[in-house]
C-alpha atoms as a PDB file:
ATOM      1  CA  MET A   1     -19.209 153.236  99.806  1.00  0.00           C
ATOM      2  CA  ALA A   2     -21.587 154.456  97.081  1.00  0.00           C
ATOM      3  CA  VAL A   3     -23.761 156.250  99.641  1.00  0.00           C
ATOM      4  CA  GLN A   4     -20.756 158.165 100.961  1.00  0.00           C
ATOM      5  CA  GLU A   5     -19.799 159.219  97.439  1.00  0.00           C
ATOM      6  CA  GLN A   6     -23.347 160.424  96.775  1.00  0.00           C
ATOM      7  CA  ALA A   7     -23.320 162.401 100.017  1.00  0.00           C
ATOM      8  CA  ARG A   8     -19.991 164.029  99.107  1.00  0.00           C
ATOM      9  CA  ALA A   9     -21.272 164.901  95.630  1.00  0.00           C
ATOM     10  CA  LEU A  10     -24.418 166.465  97.076  1.00  0.00           C
ATOM     11  CA  THR A  11     -22.408 168.455  99.618  1.00  0.00           C
ATOM     12  CA  ALA A  12     -20.068 169.675  96.900  1.00  0.00           C
ATOM     13  CA  ARG A  13     -23.029 171.017  94.889  1.00  0.00           C
ATOM     14  CA  THR A  14     -24.747 172.683  97.829  1.00  0.00           C
ATOM     15  CA  PRO A  15     -23.593 176.297  97.980  1.00  0.00           C
ATOM     16  CA  THR A  16     -22.486 177.700 101.297  1.00  0.00           C
ATOM     17  CA  TYR A  17     -23.222 181.249 102.291  1.00  0.00           C
ATOM     18  CA  PRO A  18     -21.600 183.508 104.889  1.00  0.00           C
ATOM     19  CA  ASP A  19     -22.860 183.753 108.451  1.00  0.00           C
ATOM     20  CA  GLY A  20     -25.065 180.688 108.103  1.00  0.00           C
ATOM     21  CA  LEU A  21     -27.478 182.287 105.656  1.00  0.00           C
ATOM     22  CA  THR A  22     -29.738 179.886 103.800  1.00  0.00           C
ATOM     23  CA  GLN A  23     -30.247 179.971 100.064  1.00  0.00           C
ATOM     24  CA  ARG A  24     -33.718 181.465 100.546  1.00  0.00           C
ATOM     25  CA  GLU A  25     -32.366 184.144 102.889  1.00  0.00           C
ATOM     26  CA  VAL A  26     -29.788 185.065 100.240  1.00  0.00           C
ATOM     27  CA  GLU A  27     -32.584 185.318  97.672  1.00  0.00           C
ATOM     28  CA  VAL A  28     -34.535 187.610 100.004  1.00  0.00           C
ATOM     29  CA  LEU A  29     -31.396 189.605 100.805  1.00  0.00           C
ATOM     30  CA  ALA A  30     -30.726 190.205  97.106  1.00  0.00           C
ATOM     31  CA  LEU A  31     -34.229 191.606  96.708  1.00  0.00           C
ATOM     32  CA  VAL A  32     -33.819 193.742  99.829  1.00  0.00           C
ATOM     33  CA  ALA A  33     -30.572 195.058  98.342  1.00  0.00           C
ATOM     34  CA  ALA A  34     -32.489 195.855  95.147  1.00  0.00           C
ATOM     35  CA  GLY A  35     -34.733 198.109  97.232  1.00  0.00           C
ATOM     36  CA  MET A  36     -37.855 195.975  97.124  1.00  0.00           C
ATOM     37  CA  SER A  37     -40.530 196.156  99.826  1.00  0.00           C
ATOM     38  CA  ASN A  38     -41.614 193.122 101.826  1.00  0.00           C
ATOM     39  CA  ALA A  39     -44.843 192.939  99.830  1.00  0.00           C
ATOM     40  CA  SER A  40     -42.960 193.041  96.525  1.00  0.00           C
ATOM     41  CA  ILE A  41     -40.504 190.392  97.700  1.00  0.00           C
ATOM     42  CA  ALA A  42     -43.398 188.180  98.795  1.00  0.00           C
ATOM     43  CA  GLU A  43     -45.034 188.544  95.403  1.00  0.00           C
ATOM     44  CA  GLN A  44     -41.772 187.900  93.541  1.00  0.00           C
ATOM     45  CA  LEU A  45     -40.947 184.755  95.531  1.00  0.00           C
ATOM     46  CA  VAL A  46     -44.569 183.588  95.883  1.00  0.00           C
ATOM     47  CA  ILE A  47     -44.426 183.510  99.681  1.00  0.00           C
ATOM     48  CA  SER A  48     -46.396 185.371 102.332  1.00  0.00           C
ATOM     49  CA  PRO A  49     -45.347 188.819 103.541  1.00  0.00           C
ATOM     50  CA  ASN A  50     -45.026 187.349 107.046  1.00  0.00           C
ATOM     51  CA  THR A  51     -42.508 184.829 105.731  1.00  0.00           C
ATOM     52  CA  VAL A  52     -40.525 187.681 104.200  1.00  0.00           C
ATOM     53  CA  ILE A  53     -40.576 189.504 107.537  1.00  0.00           C
ATOM     54  CA  ARG A  54     -39.222 186.359 109.240  1.00  0.00           C
ATOM     55  CA  HIS A  55     -36.480 185.956 106.614  1.00  0.00           C
ATOM     56  CA  VAL A  56     -35.444 189.605 106.935  1.00  0.00           C
ATOM     57  CA  SER A  57     -35.359 189.259 110.722  1.00  0.00           C
ATOM     58  CA  ASN A  58     -33.171 186.158 110.416  1.00  0.00           C
ATOM     59  CA  ILE A  59     -30.877 187.932 107.950  1.00  0.00           C
ATOM     60  CA  LEU A  60     -30.415 190.896 110.279  1.00  0.00           C
ATOM     61  CA  SER A  61     -29.761 188.600 113.225  1.00  0.00           C
ATOM     62  CA  LYS A  62     -27.286 186.359 111.421  1.00  0.00           C
ATOM     63  CA  THR A  63     -25.342 189.190 109.798  1.00  0.00           C
ATOM     64  CA  GLY A  64     -25.393 191.589 112.731  1.00  0.00           C
ATOM     65  CA  CYS A  65     -26.919 194.297 110.563  1.00  0.00           C
ATOM     66  CA  ALA A  66     -29.156 196.858 112.243  1.00  0.00           C
ATOM     67  CA  ASN A  67     -31.418 197.573 109.276  1.00  0.00           C
ATOM     68  CA  ARG A  68     -32.147 196.880 105.614  1.00  0.00           C
ATOM     69  CA  THR A  69     -29.627 199.462 104.418  1.00  0.00           C
ATOM     70  CA  GLU A  70     -26.810 197.778 106.330  1.00  0.00           C
ATOM     71  CA  ALA A  71     -28.011 194.407 105.037  1.00  0.00           C
ATOM     72  CA  ALA A  72     -27.867 195.687 101.452  1.00  0.00           C
ATOM     73  CA  ARG A  73     -24.308 196.907 102.011  1.00  0.00           C
ATOM     74  CA  TYR A  74     -23.431 193.551 103.596  1.00  0.00           C
ATOM     75  CA  ALA A  75     -24.837 191.717 100.557  1.00  0.00           C
ATOM     76  CA  THR A  76     -22.721 193.787  98.201  1.00  0.00           C
ATOM     77  CA  GLN A  77     -19.542 193.448 100.257  1.00  0.00           C
ATOM     78  CA  ALA A  78     -20.064 189.692 100.635  1.00  0.00           C
ATOM     79  CA  GLY A  79     -20.474 189.317  96.897  1.00  0.00           C
ATOM     80  CA  LEU A  80     -24.039 188.070  97.195  1.00  0.00           C
ATOM     81  CA  VAL A  81     -25.324 190.671  94.729  1.00  0.00           C
ATOM     82  CA  PRO A  82     -23.627 192.351  91.765  1.00  0.00           C
END
């Protein structure tokens, strides 16, 4: 029983994001919405530029956005950025 309670508590603390976005994708999306380049995002998050490219590609695919501008608008409308 204790294991089930721990699992429920962990699930309750884990945020859920629209369209199956991961927490890292939301972080990248917020920086895209702020107008940052892939290189700047990579530097900010201490990841490779290729990883940023993959995250942006996943974001566009999951949200159905055609480009970074649409993704920024999506982020704002979804309440993912102020």
